[in-house]
């Protein structure tokens, strides 16, 4: 009977070691799964960033193409430095003074104003 108890103790020790090894392997698999998920999210983020950068590149190329023309250069100089051609004059738009400040228009005038009338 003593021999049977030893065998049983060895079996329990073997089962405990196998259970411990199984828990350790599951722990390793869990860590790998978490790393894979992080890598997948990082790859998706990199793909989205690449798409944004490609769109930006297309926009910049279009801007460069537009600015490389003489008309584009002229427009840029006019906007940036306020340059005018010889003979051009400044136009000053004066607000309509027939209406007093704070005076509201009737509703039908506002409505017609939406249509440019």
N, C-alpha and C. Protein backbone atom coordinates (compact mmCIF):
# COMPACT_ATOMS: atom_id res chain seq x y z
N UNK A 1 0.81 -1.18 0.00
CA UNK A 1 0.00 0.00 0.00
C UNK A 1 0.86 1.26 0.00
N UNK A 2 2.02 1.18 0.59
CA UNK A 2 2.93 2.30 0.62
C UNK A 2 3.39 2.66 -0.79
N UNK A 3 3.61 1.65 -1.62
CA UNK A 3 4.04 1.86 -2.99
C UNK A 3 2.96 2.60 -3.79
N UNK A 4 1.73 2.26 -3.51
CA UNK A 4 0.63 2.91 -4.21
C UNK A 4 0.54 4.38 -3.86
N UNK A 5 0.82 4.76 -2.66
CA UNK A 5 0.80 6.16 -2.25
C UNK A 5 1.91 6.95 -2.95
N UNK A 6 3.08 6.35 -3.14
CA UNK A 6 4.17 7.01 -3.84
C UNK A 6 3.80 7.27 -5.30
N UNK A 7 3.19 6.28 -5.91
CA UNK A 7 2.78 6.43 -7.30
C UNK A 7 1.75 7.53 -7.40
N UNK A 8 0.85 7.57 -6.49
CA UNK A 8 -0.16 8.58 -6.49
C UNK A 8 0.46 9.97 -6.27
N UNK A 9 1.44 10.08 -5.42
CA UNK A 9 2.10 11.35 -5.18
C UNK A 9 2.85 11.80 -6.43
N UNK A 10 3.50 10.85 -7.13
CA UNK A 10 4.19 11.19 -8.37
C UNK A 10 3.20 11.66 -9.43
N UNK A 11 2.06 11.00 -9.46
CA UNK A 11 1.03 11.40 -10.44
C UNK A 11 0.52 12.81 -10.13
N UNK A 12 0.30 13.10 -8.87
CA UNK A 12 -0.15 14.44 -8.50
C UNK A 12 0.90 15.50 -8.85
N UNK A 13 2.15 15.19 -8.62
CA UNK A 13 3.24 16.11 -8.94
C UNK A 13 3.32 16.33 -10.45
N UNK A 14 3.16 15.26 -11.23
CA UNK A 14 3.19 15.37 -12.68
C UNK A 14 2.01 16.21 -13.17
N UNK A 15 0.83 15.98 -12.63
CA UNK A 15 -0.35 16.74 -13.02
C UNK A 15 -0.16 18.22 -12.66
N UNK A 16 0.39 18.51 -11.51
CA UNK A 16 0.60 19.89 -11.08
C UNK A 16 1.60 20.59 -12.01
N UNK A 17 2.69 19.86 -12.36
CA UNK A 17 3.67 20.45 -13.28
C UNK A 17 3.07 20.69 -14.66
N UNK A 18 2.27 19.75 -15.15
CA UNK A 18 1.63 19.93 -16.44
C UNK A 18 0.62 21.09 -16.41
N UNK A 19 -0.12 21.21 -15.31
CA UNK A 19 -1.07 22.32 -15.18
C UNK A 19 -0.32 23.65 -15.14
N UNK A 20 0.79 23.68 -14.44
CA UNK A 20 1.61 24.89 -14.37
C UNK A 20 2.17 25.24 -15.75
N UNK A 21 2.62 24.23 -16.48
CA UNK A 21 3.13 24.47 -17.83
C UNK A 21 2.01 24.97 -18.75
N UNK A 22 0.81 24.43 -18.59
CA UNK A 22 -0.33 24.86 -19.39
C UNK A 22 -0.69 26.32 -19.10
N UNK A 23 -0.69 26.69 -17.83
CA UNK A 23 -0.97 28.08 -17.46
C UNK A 23 0.10 29.00 -18.03
N UNK A 24 1.36 28.58 -17.95
CA UNK A 24 2.46 29.38 -18.49
C UNK A 24 2.31 29.55 -20.00
N UNK A 25 1.96 28.49 -20.74
CA UNK A 25 1.77 28.58 -22.18
C UNK A 25 0.58 29.49 -22.53
N UNK A 26 -0.49 29.39 -21.76
CA UNK A 26 -1.63 30.27 -21.99
C UNK A 26 -1.25 31.73 -21.76
N UNK A 27 -0.44 31.97 -20.73
CA UNK A 27 0.03 33.33 -20.45
C UNK A 27 0.86 33.87 -21.62
N UNK A 28 1.73 33.03 -22.18
CA UNK A 28 2.54 33.43 -23.33
C UNK A 28 1.66 33.71 -24.55
N UNK A 29 0.66 32.87 -24.78
CA UNK A 29 -0.25 33.08 -25.91
C UNK A 29 -1.04 34.37 -25.75
N UNK A 30 -1.44 34.68 -24.54
CA UNK A 30 -2.18 35.92 -24.28
C UNK A 30 -1.30 37.14 -24.61
N UNK A 31 -0.03 37.09 -24.20
CA UNK A 31 0.89 38.18 -24.51
C UNK A 31 1.11 38.34 -26.01
N UNK A 32 1.23 37.22 -26.72
CA UNK A 32 1.40 37.28 -28.17
C UNK A 32 0.16 37.87 -28.83
N UNK A 33 -1.02 37.48 -28.35
CA UNK A 33 -2.27 38.00 -28.93
C UNK A 33 -2.37 39.51 -28.71
N UNK A 34 -1.97 39.98 -27.54
CA UNK A 34 -2.00 41.42 -27.29
C UNK A 34 -1.03 42.17 -28.19
N UNK A 35 0.16 41.62 -28.37
CA UNK A 35 1.14 42.25 -29.25
C UNK A 35 0.66 42.27 -30.70
N UNK A 36 -0.01 41.21 -31.11
CA UNK A 36 -0.53 41.14 -32.48
C UNK A 36 -1.61 42.20 -32.69
N UNK A 37 -2.46 42.38 -31.68
CA UNK A 37 -3.51 43.39 -31.79
C UNK A 37 -2.92 44.80 -31.86
N UNK A 38 -1.92 45.07 -31.07
CA UNK A 38 -1.25 46.37 -31.12
C UNK A 38 -0.61 46.59 -32.49
N UNK A 39 0.03 45.55 -33.01
CA UNK A 39 0.69 45.67 -34.32
C UNK A 39 -0.35 45.89 -35.42
N UNK A 40 -1.51 45.23 -35.33
CA UNK A 40 -2.56 45.41 -36.32
C UNK A 40 -3.09 46.85 -36.29
N UNK A 41 -3.30 47.38 -35.09
CA UNK A 41 -3.77 48.76 -34.96
C UNK A 41 -2.72 49.74 -35.49
N UNK A 42 -1.46 49.47 -35.21
CA UNK A 42 -0.39 50.34 -35.70
C UNK A 42 -0.32 50.29 -37.22
N UNK A 43 -0.52 49.12 -37.81
CA UNK A 43 -0.49 49.00 -39.27
C UNK A 43 -1.67 49.74 -39.89
N UNK A 44 -2.84 49.64 -39.28
CA UNK A 44 -4.00 50.38 -39.80
C UNK A 44 -3.77 51.88 -39.69
N UNK A 45 -3.21 52.33 -38.59
CA UNK A 45 -2.90 53.74 -38.44
C UNK A 45 -1.88 54.21 -39.47
N UNK A 46 -0.89 53.37 -39.74
CA UNK A 46 0.12 53.73 -40.74
C UNK A 46 -0.50 53.80 -42.13
N UNK A 47 -1.44 52.88 -42.43
CA UNK A 47 -2.13 52.92 -43.73
C UNK A 47 -2.95 54.20 -43.88
N UNK A 48 -3.67 54.57 -42.83
CA UNK A 48 -4.46 55.81 -42.87
C UNK A 48 -3.56 57.02 -43.02
N UNK A 49 -2.44 57.03 -42.32
CA UNK A 49 -1.49 58.14 -42.44
C UNK A 49 -0.92 58.21 -43.85
N UNK A 50 -0.64 57.07 -44.45
CA UNK A 50 -0.14 57.03 -45.82
C UNK A 50 -1.16 57.61 -46.79
N UNK A 51 -2.44 57.25 -46.60
CA UNK A 51 -3.49 57.79 -47.47
C UNK A 51 -3.59 59.31 -47.33
N UNK A 52 -3.52 59.81 -46.09
CA UNK A 52 -3.56 61.26 -45.88
C UNK A 52 -2.37 61.95 -46.53
N UNK A 53 -1.20 61.33 -46.40
CA UNK A 53 -0.01 61.93 -46.98
C UNK A 53 -0.05 61.91 -48.51
N UNK A 54 -0.61 60.84 -49.09
CA UNK A 54 -0.74 60.78 -50.54
C UNK A 54 -1.71 61.84 -51.04
N UNK A 55 -2.82 62.05 -50.31
CA UNK A 55 -3.76 63.11 -50.67
C UNK A 55 -3.08 64.48 -50.58
N UNK A 56 -2.32 64.68 -49.53
CA UNK A 56 -1.60 65.95 -49.35
C UNK A 56 -0.59 66.15 -50.47
N UNK A 57 0.09 65.07 -50.85
CA UNK A 57 1.06 65.16 -51.93
C UNK A 57 0.37 65.54 -53.25
N UNK A 58 -0.78 64.95 -53.52
CA UNK A 58 -1.52 65.29 -54.74
C UNK A 58 -1.94 66.75 -54.72
N UNK A 59 -2.39 67.24 -53.57
CA UNK A 59 -2.78 68.65 -53.45
C UNK A 59 -1.59 69.56 -53.67
N UNK A 60 -0.46 69.22 -53.08
CA UNK A 60 0.74 70.05 -53.23
C UNK A 60 1.24 70.04 -54.67
N UNK A 61 1.17 68.88 -55.33
CA UNK A 61 1.58 68.83 -56.73
C UNK A 61 0.68 69.70 -57.59
N UNK A 62 -0.63 69.68 -57.31
CA UNK A 62 -1.56 70.53 -58.05
C UNK A 62 -1.24 72.00 -57.82
N UNK A 63 -0.93 72.35 -56.57
CA UNK A 63 -0.56 73.74 -56.26
C UNK A 63 0.73 74.14 -56.99
N UNK A 64 1.70 73.25 -57.01
CA UNK A 64 2.96 73.54 -57.70
C UNK A 64 2.72 73.72 -59.19
N UNK A 65 1.89 72.84 -59.77
CA UNK A 65 1.57 72.97 -61.19
C UNK A 65 0.88 74.29 -61.48
N UNK A 66 -0.01 74.69 -60.59
CA UNK A 66 -0.72 75.96 -60.78
C UNK A 66 0.22 77.15 -60.64
N UNK A 67 1.12 77.07 -59.67
CA UNK A 67 2.04 78.19 -59.44
C UNK A 67 3.15 78.26 -60.48
N UNK A 68 3.39 77.18 -61.19
CA UNK A 68 4.46 77.21 -62.18
C UNK A 68 4.05 77.95 -63.45
N UNK A 69 2.78 78.27 -63.60
CA UNK A 69 2.33 79.06 -64.75
C UNK A 69 2.53 80.54 -64.46
N UNK A 70 2.58 81.34 -65.52
CA UNK A 70 2.78 82.78 -65.32
C UNK A 70 1.58 83.40 -64.61
N UNK A 71 0.39 82.89 -64.90
CA UNK A 71 -0.82 83.40 -64.23
C UNK A 71 -0.79 83.09 -62.74
N UNK A 72 -0.33 81.90 -62.39
CA UNK A 72 -0.22 81.52 -60.98
C UNK A 72 0.80 82.35 -60.24
N UNK A 73 1.94 82.62 -60.90
CA UNK A 73 2.95 83.46 -60.27
C UNK A 73 2.40 84.86 -60.02
N UNK A 74 1.71 85.39 -61.02
CA UNK A 74 1.14 86.72 -60.89
C UNK A 74 0.12 86.79 -59.76
N UNK A 75 -0.74 85.78 -59.68
CA UNK A 75 -1.75 85.76 -58.62
C UNK A 75 -1.10 85.69 -57.25
N UNK A 76 -0.05 84.91 -57.13
CA UNK A 76 0.65 84.80 -55.84
C UNK A 76 1.29 86.13 -55.47
N UNK A 77 1.93 86.78 -56.42
CA UNK A 77 2.54 88.08 -56.12
C UNK A 77 1.49 89.11 -55.72
N UNK A 78 0.36 89.10 -56.41
CA UNK A 78 -0.70 90.05 -56.08
C UNK A 78 -1.24 89.82 -54.68
N UNK A 79 -1.47 88.56 -54.33
CA UNK A 79 -2.03 88.26 -53.01
C UNK A 79 -1.02 88.52 -51.90
N UNK A 80 0.22 88.13 -52.13
CA UNK A 80 1.22 88.22 -51.08
C UNK A 80 1.72 89.64 -50.85
N UNK A 81 2.04 90.33 -51.92
CA UNK A 81 2.69 91.64 -51.79
C UNK A 81 1.80 92.82 -52.18
N UNK A 82 0.59 92.55 -52.63
CA UNK A 82 -0.30 93.64 -53.00
C UNK A 82 0.17 94.38 -54.25
N UNK A 83 0.80 93.68 -55.14
CA UNK A 83 1.34 94.27 -56.36
C UNK A 83 0.21 94.48 -57.36
N UNK A 84 0.28 95.60 -58.11
CA UNK A 84 -0.72 95.88 -59.14
C UNK A 84 0.00 96.19 -60.45
N UNK A 85 -0.68 95.97 -61.55
CA UNK A 85 -0.14 96.30 -62.86
C UNK A 85 -0.16 97.83 -63.04
N UNK A 86 0.67 98.32 -63.90
CA UNK A 86 0.63 99.76 -64.18
C UNK A 86 -0.73 100.14 -64.75
N UNK A 87 -1.32 101.20 -64.22
CA UNK A 87 -2.61 101.66 -64.68
C UNK A 87 -3.77 101.13 -63.86
N UNK A 88 -3.55 100.10 -63.04
CA UNK A 88 -4.63 99.59 -62.19
C UNK A 88 -4.81 100.51 -60.99
N UNK A 89 -6.04 100.63 -60.54
CA UNK A 89 -6.33 101.48 -59.41
C UNK A 89 -7.02 100.69 -58.31
N UNK A 90 -7.07 101.27 -57.14
CA UNK A 90 -7.70 100.63 -55.99
C UNK A 90 -9.19 100.96 -56.00
N UNK A 91 -10.00 99.97 -55.72
CA UNK A 91 -11.44 100.18 -55.61
C UNK A 91 -11.81 100.07 -54.14
N UNK A 92 -12.48 101.07 -53.62
CA UNK A 92 -12.92 101.07 -52.23
C UNK A 92 -14.43 100.91 -52.22
N UNK A 93 -14.90 99.90 -51.56
CA UNK A 93 -16.33 99.64 -51.45
C UNK A 93 -16.84 100.34 -50.20
N UNK A 94 -17.81 101.23 -50.39
CA UNK A 94 -18.38 102.00 -49.29
C UNK A 94 -19.70 101.36 -48.90
N UNK A 95 -19.91 101.15 -47.59
CA UNK A 95 -21.17 100.53 -47.17
C UNK A 95 -22.35 101.47 -47.42
N UNK A 96 -23.51 100.87 -47.59
CA UNK A 96 -24.74 101.61 -47.85
C UNK A 96 -25.13 102.40 -46.60
N UNK A 97 -25.19 103.72 -46.69
CA UNK A 97 -25.47 104.56 -45.54
C UNK A 97 -26.93 104.97 -45.47
N UNK A 98 -27.74 104.50 -46.41
CA UNK A 98 -29.15 104.89 -46.39
C UNK A 98 -29.86 104.24 -45.21
N UNK A 99 -29.34 103.17 -44.75
CA UNK A 99 -29.94 102.47 -43.62
C UNK A 99 -29.17 102.83 -42.36
N UNK A 100 -29.86 103.18 -41.33
CA UNK A 100 -29.23 103.54 -40.07
C UNK A 100 -28.73 102.29 -39.36
N UNK A 101 -27.71 102.50 -38.55
CA UNK A 101 -27.20 101.36 -37.78
C UNK A 101 -28.25 100.93 -36.78
N UNK A 102 -28.42 99.64 -36.65
CA UNK A 102 -29.38 99.10 -35.70
C UNK A 102 -30.78 99.00 -36.27
N UNK A 103 -31.03 99.63 -37.42
CA UNK A 103 -32.36 99.55 -38.02
C UNK A 103 -32.46 98.23 -38.79
N UNK A 104 -33.48 97.48 -38.46
CA UNK A 104 -33.65 96.19 -39.13
C UNK A 104 -34.53 96.35 -40.36
N UNK A 105 -34.25 95.50 -41.34
CA UNK A 105 -35.05 95.50 -42.55
C UNK A 105 -36.33 94.74 -42.32
N UNK A 106 -37.39 95.09 -43.05
CA UNK A 106 -38.62 94.29 -42.94
C UNK A 106 -38.36 92.86 -43.43
N UNK A 107 -39.21 91.94 -42.96
CA UNK A 107 -38.99 90.53 -43.27
C UNK A 107 -39.03 90.26 -44.77
N UNK A 108 -39.86 90.99 -45.51
CA UNK A 108 -39.95 90.72 -46.94
C UNK A 108 -38.70 91.20 -47.68
N UNK A 109 -38.02 92.24 -47.15
CA UNK A 109 -36.75 92.67 -47.75
C UNK A 109 -35.65 91.64 -47.49
N UNK A 110 -35.64 91.09 -46.29
CA UNK A 110 -34.66 90.05 -45.96
C UNK A 110 -34.88 88.84 -46.85
N UNK A 111 -36.15 88.47 -47.03
CA UNK A 111 -36.48 87.33 -47.89
C UNK A 111 -36.03 87.56 -49.32
N UNK A 112 -36.30 88.74 -49.85
CA UNK A 112 -35.88 89.05 -51.22
C UNK A 112 -34.37 89.17 -51.31
N UNK A 113 -33.74 89.56 -50.23
CA UNK A 113 -32.27 89.65 -50.20
C UNK A 113 -31.61 88.30 -50.38
N UNK A 114 -32.27 87.25 -49.95
CA UNK A 114 -31.73 85.90 -50.15
C UNK A 114 -31.63 85.56 -51.63
N UNK A 115 -32.48 86.14 -52.43
CA UNK A 115 -32.48 85.87 -53.87
C UNK A 115 -31.73 86.95 -54.65
N UNK A 116 -31.09 87.88 -53.94
CA UNK A 116 -30.31 88.91 -54.59
C UNK A 116 -31.16 90.04 -55.15
N UNK A 117 -32.37 90.18 -54.68
CA UNK A 117 -33.26 91.24 -55.16
C UNK A 117 -33.35 92.37 -54.17
